[in-house]
Amino acid sequence: MTPSEIHEDMVRTLTDNAPSYATEKRWVNEFKHGRESVIDYPRLGRPPTATTKDTPDPALGMIMQDRRISCPQIAETLGISTERADNIVTKELGFSKVFARRIPRLLTPEQKRTRCILSTSNLELFETDEVNFLARFITMDESWVHHYQPEAKEQSKQWKHASSPTPKKARVNSSASKVMALVFLNSQVVLLIDYLEKDLAPSDFHIFPKMKKALAVHHFASDNDIIDARGPKYLQIPAWLSGSLIDVLTACPHLISQVLLIR
């Protein structure tokens, strides 16, 4: 009989419970190649279990000994698959591999102790005289001031109707001629504005983007013209900056207290 005839006969007999045609065709092929028994051959049984109740313990010991060990290394040592090793580490032991967070400097115990002493001393000074303590802080910023500073893109925003064309403006670069401005200030006023020689490395801070907006589209013929413009018209501390400095300084005692509690 052919596999098709066998399948038709079994469908008539077993209806929906009949094996598939592919299964019957495989059986016919096996009997053609010498199989005589319809009983299944002995099997190896259930595959060996990779994870036992004792498996996580050596994995935990390996991780505690070397925090950078990889799952393939754990799998090779324990004689299990990489997938099982990953499951043991992440699911059963609850570990996750993360990057080290970069910080400016790792302090020694002595340096940490010194910082705690200084922070405590500063906190005591603040609590003694809060107003005068904050008023004594002086900061310094520096930035290049160009002879011509083009208008910022944000400054050119304007209302337009949905049917109106988008406004356009030509790309204009800052002038090559420039002078380095140094501003010394406290929480209330500008204490000193000075100007340095050329060819010094610039370092922009939070005050200068606002200052440059005020200087935008103003033409200066020389360095002296910029220096003359350092008065109240352009380089006063705006209200938003004065308030932000007070907020930062006022928050300092609270931050110091929190750090001391952590230490």
C-alpha atoms as a PDB file:
ATOM      1  CA  MET A   1       0.000   0.000   0.000  1.00  0.00           C
ATOM      2  CA  THR A   2       1.120   3.536  -0.662  1.00  0.00           C
ATOM      3  CA  PRO A   3       1.218   6.217   2.043  1.00  0.00           C
ATOM      4  CA  SER A   4      -1.828   7.875   0.457  1.00  0.00           C
ATOM      5  CA  GLU A   5      -3.881   4.675   0.616  1.00  0.00           C
ATOM      6  CA  ILE A   6      -2.828   4.079   4.224  1.00  0.00           C
ATOM      7  CA  HIS A   7      -3.813   7.639   5.160  1.00  0.00           C
ATOM      8  CA  GLU A   8      -7.249   7.343   3.488  1.00  0.00           C
ATOM      9  CA  ASP A   9      -7.912   4.068   5.308  1.00  0.00           C
ATOM     10  CA  MET A  10      -6.912   5.511   8.702  1.00  0.00           C
ATOM     11  CA  VAL A  11      -9.059   8.612   8.167  1.00  0.00           C
ATOM     12  CA  ARG A  12     -12.080   6.422   7.451  1.00  0.00           C
ATOM     13  CA  THR A  13     -11.360   4.408  10.601  1.00  0.00           C
ATOM     14  CA  LEU A  14     -10.126   7.041  13.080  1.00  0.00           C
ATOM     15  CA  THR A  15     -11.682  10.182  11.550  1.00  0.00           C
ATOM     16  CA  ASP A  16     -10.271  13.249  13.365  1.00  0.00           C
ATOM     17  CA  ASN A  17      -7.946  11.133  15.524  1.00  0.00           C
ATOM     18  CA  ALA A  18      -5.976   9.835  12.542  1.00  0.00           C
ATOM     19  CA  PRO A  19      -2.283  10.744  12.348  1.00  0.00           C
ATOM     20  CA  SER A  20      -1.203  13.285   9.794  1.00  0.00           C
ATOM     21  CA  TYR A  21      -0.158  12.242   6.311  1.00  0.00           C
ATOM     22  CA  ALA A  22       3.426  13.369   7.006  1.00  0.00           C
ATOM     23  CA  THR A  23       3.637  11.075  10.067  1.00  0.00           C
ATOM     24  CA  GLU A  24       2.301   8.067   8.161  1.00  0.00           C
ATOM     25  CA  LYS A  25       4.683   8.739   5.300  1.00  0.00           C
ATOM     26  CA  ARG A  26       7.603   8.787   7.792  1.00  0.00           C
ATOM     27  CA  TRP A  27       6.450   5.454   9.260  1.00  0.00           C
ATOM     28  CA  VAL A  28       6.310   3.845   5.817  1.00  0.00           C
ATOM     29  CA  ASN A  29       9.788   5.120   5.041  1.00  0.00           C
ATOM     30  CA  GLU A  30      11.181   3.633   8.304  1.00  0.00           C
ATOM     31  CA  PHE A  31       9.639   0.186   7.654  1.00  0.00           C
ATOM     32  CA  LYS A  32      11.020   0.218   4.119  1.00  0.00           C
ATOM     33  CA  HIS A  33      14.500   0.716   5.591  1.00  0.00           C
ATOM     34  CA  GLY A  34      14.293  -2.340   7.866  1.00  0.00           C
ATOM     35  CA  ARG A  35      12.248  -1.436  10.900  1.00  0.00           C
ATOM     36  CA  GLU A  36      10.045  -4.334  12.037  1.00  0.00           C
ATOM     37  CA  SER A  37       8.552  -3.282  15.388  1.00  0.00           C
ATOM     38  CA  VAL A  38       5.846  -0.719  15.983  1.00  0.00           C
ATOM     39  CA  ILE A  39       7.088  -0.176  19.554  1.00  0.00           C
ATOM     40  CA  ASP A  40       9.150   2.978  20.174  1.00  0.00           C
ATOM     41  CA  TYR A  41      12.875   2.527  20.583  1.00  0.00           C
ATOM     42  CA  PRO A  42      14.314   3.231  24.073  1.00  0.00           C
ATOM     43  CA  ARG A  43      15.046   6.913  24.673  1.00  0.00           C
ATOM     44  CA  LEU A  44      17.570   8.736  26.805  1.00  0.00           C
ATOM     45  CA  GLY A  45      14.799  10.124  28.992  1.00  0.00           C
ATOM     46  CA  ARG A  46      14.436  13.584  30.489  1.00  0.00           C
ATOM     47  CA  PRO A  47      17.349  15.891  29.640  1.00  0.00           C
ATOM     48  CA  PRO A  48      19.652  16.773  32.568  1.00  0.00           C
ATOM     49  CA  THR A  49      18.634  19.811  34.619  1.00  0.00           C
ATOM     50  CA  ALA A  50      21.143  22.672  34.432  1.00  0.00           C
ATOM     51  CA  THR A  51      19.807  24.524  37.453  1.00  0.00           C
ATOM     52  CA  THR A  52      19.573  22.783  40.783  1.00  0.00           C
ATOM     53  CA  LYS A  53      19.103  24.211  44.246  1.00  0.00           C
ATOM     54  CA  ASP A  54      22.892  24.186  44.644  1.00  0.00           C
ATOM     55  CA  THR A  55      23.738  25.867  41.310  1.00  0.00           C
ATOM     56  CA  PRO A  56      23.168  29.543  42.327  1.00  0.00           C
ATOM     57  CA  ASP A  57      25.565  29.271  45.272  1.00  0.00           C
ATOM     58  CA  PRO A  58      28.771  28.757  43.247  1.00  0.00           C
ATOM     59  CA  ALA A  59      27.553  31.341  40.720  1.00  0.00           C
ATOM     60  CA  LEU A  60      27.071  33.849  43.545  1.00  0.00           C
ATOM     61  CA  GLY A  61      30.530  33.083  44.891  1.00  0.00           C
ATOM     62  CA  MET A  62      32.098  33.669  41.465  1.00  0.00           C
ATOM     63  CA  ILE A  63      30.327  37.028  41.120  1.00  0.00           C
ATOM     64  CA  MET A  64      31.332  38.192  44.591  1.00  0.00           C
ATOM     65  CA  GLN A  65      34.936  37.259  43.813  1.00  0.00           C
ATOM     66  CA  ASP A  66      34.964  39.013  40.417  1.00  0.00           C
ATOM     67  CA  ARG A  67      32.221  41.568  39.740  1.00  0.00           C
ATOM     68  CA  ARG A  68      33.223  41.781  36.060  1.00  0.00           C
ATOM     69  CA  ILE A  69      32.921  38.070  35.307  1.00  0.00           C
ATOM     70  CA  SER A  70      30.774  37.276  32.263  1.00  0.00           C
ATOM     71  CA  CYS A  71      27.952  34.758  31.881  1.00  0.00           C
ATOM     72  CA  PRO A  72      29.952  32.663  29.349  1.00  0.00           C
ATOM     73  CA  GLN A  73      32.724  32.327  31.939  1.00  0.00           C
ATOM     74  CA  ILE A  74      30.228  31.263  34.618  1.00  0.00           C
ATOM     75  CA  ALA A  75      28.622  28.796  32.197  1.00  0.00           C
ATOM     76  CA  GLU A  76      31.976  27.257  31.286  1.00  0.00           C
ATOM     77  CA  THR A  77      32.982  26.849  34.941  1.00  0.00           C
ATOM     78  CA  LEU A  78      29.648  25.308  36.013  1.00  0.00           C
ATOM     79  CA  GLY A  79      29.234  23.198  32.867  1.00  0.00           C
ATOM     80  CA  ILE A  80      25.910  24.731  31.849  1.00  0.00           C
ATOM     81  CA  SER A  81      24.681  26.761  28.892  1.00  0.00           C
ATOM     82  CA  THR A  82      25.202  30.515  28.667  1.00  0.00           C
ATOM     83  CA  GLU A  83      21.423  31.024  28.602  1.00  0.00           C
ATOM     84  CA  ARG A  84      20.995  29.141  31.875  1.00  0.00           C
ATOM     85  CA  ALA A  85      23.899  31.024  33.449  1.00  0.00           C
ATOM     86  CA  ASP A  86      22.290  34.328  32.449  1.00  0.00           C
ATOM     87  CA  ASN A  87      18.954  33.199  33.913  1.00  0.00           C
ATOM     88  CA  ILE A  88      20.600  32.207  37.207  1.00  0.00           C
ATOM     89  CA  VAL A  89      22.458  35.513  37.521  1.00  0.00           C
ATOM     90  CA  THR A  90      19.640  37.871  36.489  1.00  0.00           C
ATOM     91  CA  LYS A  91      16.451  36.051  37.543  1.00  0.00           C
ATOM     92  CA  GLU A  92      17.386  33.927  40.545  1.00  0.00           C
ATOM     93  CA  LEU A  93      20.201  35.991  42.051  1.00  0.00           C
ATOM     94  CA  GLY A  94      18.753  39.360  40.964  1.00  0.00           C
ATOM     95  CA  PHE A  95      21.987  40.827  39.560  1.00  0.00           C
ATOM     96  CA  SER A  96      22.217  43.291  36.673  1.00  0.00           C
ATOM     97  CA  LYS A  97      25.398  44.402  34.936  1.00  0.00           C
ATOM     98  CA  VAL A  98      25.798  48.182  34.803  1.00  0.00           C
ATOM     99  CA  PHE A  99      28.457  50.660  33.751  1.00  0.00           C
ATOM    100  CA  ALA A 100      30.503  52.387  36.418  1.00  0.00           C
ATOM    101  CA  ARG A 101      29.308  55.976  36.960  1.00  0.00           C
ATOM    102  CA  ARG A 102      32.071  58.475  36.281  1.00  0.00           C
ATOM    103  CA  ILE A 103      32.702  61.060  38.998  1.00  0.00           C
ATOM    104  CA  PRO A 104      35.258  63.912  39.078  1.00  0.00           C
ATOM    105  CA  ARG A 105      37.464  62.262  41.688  1.00  0.00           C
ATOM    106  CA  LEU A 106      37.552  59.318  44.087  1.00  0.00           C
ATOM    107  CA  LEU A 107      38.228  60.744  47.538  1.00  0.00           C
ATOM    108  CA  THR A 108      40.341  59.029  50.136  1.00  0.00           C
ATOM    109  CA  PRO A 109      38.930  58.590  53.672  1.00  0.00           C
ATOM    110  CA  GLU A 110      41.155  61.462  54.847  1.00  0.00           C
ATOM    111  CA  GLN A 111      39.843  63.775  52.106  1.00  0.00           C
ATOM    112  CA  LYS A 112      36.246  62.876  52.973  1.00  0.00           C
ATOM    113  CA  ARG A 113      36.935  63.606  56.643  1.00  0.00           C
ATOM    114  CA  THR A 114      38.454  66.999  55.742  1.00  0.00           C
ATOM    115  CA  ARG A 115      35.432  67.910  53.627  1.00  0.00           C
ATOM    116  CA  CYS A 116      33.067  67.020  56.438  1.00  0.00           C
ATOM    117  CA  ILE A 117      35.005  69.245  58.855  1.00  0.00           C
ATOM    118  CA  LEU A 118      35.026  72.194  56.426  1.00  0.00           C
ATOM    119  CA  SER A 119      31.345  71.723  55.556  1.00  0.00           C
ATOM    120  CA  THR A 120      30.416  71.687  59.231  1.00  0.00           C
ATOM    121  CA  SER A 121      32.422  74.864  59.806  1.00  0.00           C
ATOM    122  CA  ASN A 122      30.740  76.623  56.862  1.00  0.00           C
ATOM    123  CA  LEU A 123      27.321  75.548  58.085  1.00  0.00           C
ATOM    124  CA  GLU A 124      28.022  77.015  61.518  1.00  0.00           C
ATOM    125  CA  LEU A 125      29.125  80.311  59.927  1.00  0.00           C
ATOM    126  CA  PHE A 126      25.939  80.428  57.877  1.00  0.00           C
ATOM    127  CA  GLU A 127      23.687  79.783  60.860  1.00  0.00           C
ATOM    128  CA  THR A 128      25.460  82.551  62.808  1.00  0.00           C
ATOM    129  CA  ASP A 129      24.819  85.296  60.215  1.00  0.00           C
ATOM    130  CA  GLU A 130      22.811  84.165  57.191  1.00  0.00           C
ATOM    131  CA  VAL A 131      22.546  87.525  55.399  1.00  0.00           C
ATOM    132  CA  ASN A 132      26.194  88.544  55.549  1.00  0.00           C
ATOM    133  CA  PHE A 133      27.354  84.992  54.849  1.00  0.00           C
ATOM    134  CA  LEU A 134      25.565  84.919  51.475  1.00  0.00           C
ATOM    135  CA  ALA A 135      26.578  88.471  50.614  1.00  0.00           C
ATOM    136  CA  ARG A 136      30.272  87.587  50.798  1.00  0.00           C
ATOM    137  CA  PHE A 137      30.128  85.155  47.872  1.00  0.00           C
ATOM    138  CA  ILE A 138      31.768  86.491  44.702  1.00  0.00           C
ATOM    139  CA  THR A 139      31.857  84.645  41.384  1.00  0.00           C
ATOM    140  CA  MET A 140      33.555  85.314  38.071  1.00  0.00           C
ATOM    141  CA  ASP A 141      32.595  84.554  34.457  1.00  0.00           C
ATOM    142  CA  GLU A 142      34.393  85.185  31.203  1.00  0.00           C
ATOM    143  CA  SER A 143      33.447  85.220  27.521  1.00  0.00           C
ATOM    144  CA  TRP A 144      34.397  86.667  24.153  1.00  0.00           C
ATOM    145  CA  VAL A 145      32.481  89.794  23.110  1.00  0.00           C
ATOM    146  CA  HIS A 146      32.542  90.279  19.341  1.00  0.00           C
ATOM    147  CA  HIS A 147      32.520  93.633  17.569  1.00  0.00           C
ATOM    148  CA  TYR A 148      29.315  92.402  15.933  1.00  0.00           C
ATOM    149  CA  GLN A 149      27.128  89.693  17.462  1.00  0.00           C
ATOM    150  CA  PRO A 150      24.323  88.566  15.099  1.00  0.00           C
ATOM    151  CA  GLU A 151      20.788  88.208  16.328  1.00  0.00           C
ATOM    152  CA  ALA A 152      20.007  84.774  17.789  1.00  0.00           C
ATOM    153  CA  LYS A 153      17.505  82.556  15.988  1.00  0.00           C
ATOM    154  CA  GLU A 154      15.157  82.666  18.980  1.00  0.00           C
ATOM    155  CA  GLN A 155      15.124  86.467  18.887  1.00  0.00           C
ATOM    156  CA  SER A 156      13.839  86.454  15.295  1.00  0.00           C
ATOM    157  CA  LYS A 157      10.649  84.526  16.106  1.00  0.00           C
ATOM    158  CA  GLN A 158       7.458  86.207  14.926  1.00  0.00           C
ATOM    159  CA  TRP A 159       3.795  85.353  14.556  1.00  0.00           C
ATOM    160  CA  LYS A 160       2.559  84.174  11.173  1.00  0.00           C
ATOM    161  CA  HIS A 161      -0.745  82.936   9.816  1.00  0.00           C
ATOM    162  CA  ALA A 162      -1.052  79.337   8.626  1.00  0.00           C
ATOM    163  CA  SER A 163      -1.365  80.545   5.036  1.00  0.00           C
ATOM    164  CA  SER A 164       1.559  82.994   5.269  1.00  0.00           C
ATOM    165  CA  PRO A 165       5.059  82.060   4.035  1.00  0.00           C
ATOM    166  CA  THR A 166       7.763  81.320   6.589  1.00  0.00           C
ATOM    167  CA  PRO A 167       9.987  84.370   7.214  1.00  0.00           C
ATOM    168  CA  LYS A 168      13.620  84.079   6.155  1.00  0.00           C
ATOM    169  CA  LYS A 169      16.832  85.651   7.342  1.00  0.00           C
ATOM    170  CA  ALA A 170      20.354  85.484   5.985  1.00  0.00           C
ATOM    171  CA  ARG A 171      22.996  83.546   7.887  1.00  0.00           C
ATOM    172  CA  VAL A 172      25.407  86.026   9.472  1.00  0.00           C
ATOM    173  CA  ASN A 173      28.535  85.104  11.414  1.00  0.00           C
ATOM    174  CA  SER A 174      30.025  86.892  14.379  1.00  0.00           C
ATOM    175  CA  SER A 175      32.809  89.297  13.544  1.00  0.00           C
ATOM    176  CA  ALA A 176      36.396  88.050  13.764  1.00  0.00           C
ATOM    177  CA  SER A 177      37.412  90.994  15.950  1.00  0.00           C
ATOM    178  CA  LYS A 178      36.621  90.358  19.588  1.00  0.00           C
ATOM    179  CA  VAL A 179      37.703  91.082  23.132  1.00  0.00           C
ATOM    180  CA  MET A 180      37.675  88.878  26.234  1.00  0.00           C
ATOM    181  CA  ALA A 181      35.356  90.171  28.969  1.00  0.00           C
ATOM    182  CA  LEU A 182      35.718  89.144  32.625  1.00  0.00           C
ATOM    183  CA  VAL A 183      32.833  89.867  34.972  1.00  0.00           C
ATOM    184  CA  PHE A 184      33.104  89.642  38.766  1.00  0.00           C
ATOM    185  CA  LEU A 185      29.768  89.723  40.593  1.00  0.00           C
ATOM    186  CA  ASN A 186      28.001  88.822  43.795  1.00  0.00           C
ATOM    187  CA  SER A 187      24.334  88.065  44.342  1.00  0.00           C
ATOM    188  CA  GLN A 188      23.288  91.701  43.901  1.00  0.00           C
ATOM    189  CA  VAL A 189      25.567  93.734  41.616  1.00  0.00           C
ATOM    190  CA  VAL A 190      28.429  93.566  39.142  1.00  0.00           C
ATOM    191  CA  LEU A 191      31.584  94.354  41.104  1.00  0.00           C
ATOM    192  CA  LEU A 192      34.108  94.570  38.277  1.00  0.00           C
ATOM    193  CA  ILE A 193      34.270  94.190  34.507  1.00  0.00           C
ATOM    194  CA  ASP A 194      37.685  93.807  32.957  1.00  0.00           C
ATOM    195  CA  TYR A 195      39.037  92.891  29.522  1.00  0.00           C
ATOM    196  CA  LEU A 196      41.990  90.664  28.663  1.00  0.00           C
ATOM    197  CA  GLU A 197      44.415  90.417  25.795  1.00  0.00           C
ATOM    198  CA  LYS A 198      43.574  88.365  22.716  1.00  0.00           C
ATOM    199  CA  ASP A 199      44.508  84.696  22.154  1.00  0.00           C
ATOM    200  CA  LEU A 200      43.134  83.520  25.511  1.00  0.00           C
ATOM    201  CA  ALA A 201      40.946  80.444  25.729  1.00  0.00           C
ATOM    202  CA  PRO A 202      37.235  81.378  26.176  1.00  0.00           C
ATOM    203  CA  SER A 203      34.962  79.761  28.749  1.00  0.00           C
ATOM    204  CA  ASP A 204      31.241  80.543  28.509  1.00  0.00           C
ATOM    205  CA  PHE A 205      28.976  80.382  31.567  1.00  0.00           C
ATOM    206  CA  HIS A 206      25.338  81.092  32.313  1.00  0.00           C
ATOM    207  CA  ILE A 207      25.515  84.907  32.348  1.00  0.00           C
ATOM    208  CA  PHE A 208      26.944  85.475  28.866  1.00  0.00           C
ATOM    209  CA  PRO A 209      24.182  84.057  26.653  1.00  0.00           C
ATOM    210  CA  LYS A 210      21.866  86.695  28.171  1.00  0.00           C
ATOM    211  CA  MET A 211      24.489  89.404  27.796  1.00  0.00           C
ATOM    212  CA  LYS A 212      25.091  88.494  24.142  1.00  0.00           C
ATOM    213  CA  LYS A 213      21.381  88.784  23.412  1.00  0.00           C
ATOM    214  CA  ALA A 214      21.500  92.374  24.663  1.00  0.00           C
ATOM    215  CA  LEU A 215      24.549  93.049  22.461  1.00  0.00           C
ATOM    216  CA  ALA A 216      23.015  91.432  19.378  1.00  0.00           C
ATOM    217  CA  VAL A 217      22.865  93.544  16.159  1.00  0.00           C
ATOM    218  CA  HIS A 218      24.889  96.379  17.741  1.00  0.00           C
ATOM    219  CA  HIS A 219      27.906  97.410  15.661  1.00  0.00           C
ATOM    220  CA  PHE A 220      31.112  98.346  17.483  1.00  0.00           C
ATOM    221  CA  ALA A 221      33.901  99.959  15.531  1.00  0.00           C
ATOM    222  CA  SER A 222      36.686  99.017  17.949  1.00  0.00           C
ATOM    223  CA  ASP A 223      37.549  97.253  21.195  1.00  0.00           C
ATOM    224  CA  ASN A 224      37.237 100.555  23.051  1.00  0.00           C
ATOM    225  CA  ASP A 225      33.619 100.887  21.935  1.00  0.00           C
ATOM    226  CA  ILE A 226      32.826  97.536  23.532  1.00  0.00           C
ATOM    227  CA  ILE A 227      34.673  98.512  26.710  1.00  0.00           C
ATOM    228  CA  ASP A 228      32.684 101.765  26.854  1.00  0.00           C
ATOM    229  CA  ALA A 229      29.467  99.712  26.571  1.00  0.00           C
ATOM    230  CA  ARG A 230      30.153  97.835  29.772  1.00  0.00           C
ATOM    231  CA  GLY A 231      27.882 100.148  31.748  1.00  0.00           C
ATOM    232  CA  PRO A 232      24.340  99.604  32.994  1.00  0.00           C
ATOM    233  CA  LYS A 233      22.805  99.465  29.528  1.00  0.00           C
ATOM    234  CA  TYR A 234      24.287  96.069  28.632  1.00  0.00           C
ATOM    235  CA  LEU A 235      26.029  94.386  31.544  1.00  0.00           C
ATOM    236  CA  GLN A 236      23.796  94.777  34.584  1.00  0.00           C
ATOM    237  CA  ILE A 237      22.771  91.659  36.475  1.00  0.00           C
ATOM    238  CA  PRO A 238      19.199  90.932  35.351  1.00  0.00           C
ATOM    239  CA  ALA A 239      16.530  90.161  37.918  1.00  0.00           C
ATOM    240  CA  TRP A 240      16.307  86.510  36.858  1.00  0.00           C
ATOM    241  CA  LEU A 241      20.036  86.018  37.530  1.00  0.00           C
ATOM    242  CA  SER A 242      20.060  87.818  40.861  1.00  0.00           C
ATOM    243  CA  GLY A 243      17.175  85.690  42.049  1.00  0.00           C
ATOM    244  CA  SER A 244      18.772  82.454  40.836  1.00  0.00           C
ATOM    245  CA  LEU A 245      22.022  83.230  42.644  1.00  0.00           C
ATOM    246  CA  ILE A 246      20.145  83.856  45.883  1.00  0.00           C
ATOM    247  CA  ASP A 247      18.262  80.569  45.416  1.00  0.00           C
ATOM    248  CA  VAL A 248      21.499  78.659  44.853  1.00  0.00           C
ATOM    249  CA  LEU A 249      23.226  80.217  47.851  1.00  0.00           C
ATOM    250  CA  THR A 250      20.204  79.718  50.085  1.00  0.00           C
ATOM    251  CA  ALA A 251      20.094  76.034  49.152  1.00  0.00           C
ATOM    252  CA  CYS A 252      23.756  75.523  50.113  1.00  0.00           C
ATOM    253  CA  PRO A 253      23.170  74.987  53.883  1.00  0.00           C
ATOM    254  CA  HIS A 254      20.500  72.388  53.179  1.00  0.00           C
ATOM    255  CA  LEU A 255      22.794  70.537  50.771  1.00  0.00           C
ATOM    256  CA  ILE A 256      25.663  70.638  53.265  1.00  0.00           C
ATOM    257  CA  SER A 257      23.400  69.201  55.964  1.00  0.00           C
ATOM    258  CA  GLN A 258      22.305  66.365  53.676  1.00  0.00           C
ATOM    259  CA  VAL A 259      25.905  65.516  52.774  1.00  0.00           C
ATOM    260  CA  LEU A 260      26.918  65.458  56.441  1.00  0.00           C
ATOM    261  CA  LEU A 261      24.046  63.091  57.220  1.00  0.00           C
ATOM    262  CA  ILE A 262      25.202  60.734  54.457  1.00  0.00           C
ATOM    263  CA  ARG A 263      28.776  60.811  55.739  1.00  0.00           C
END
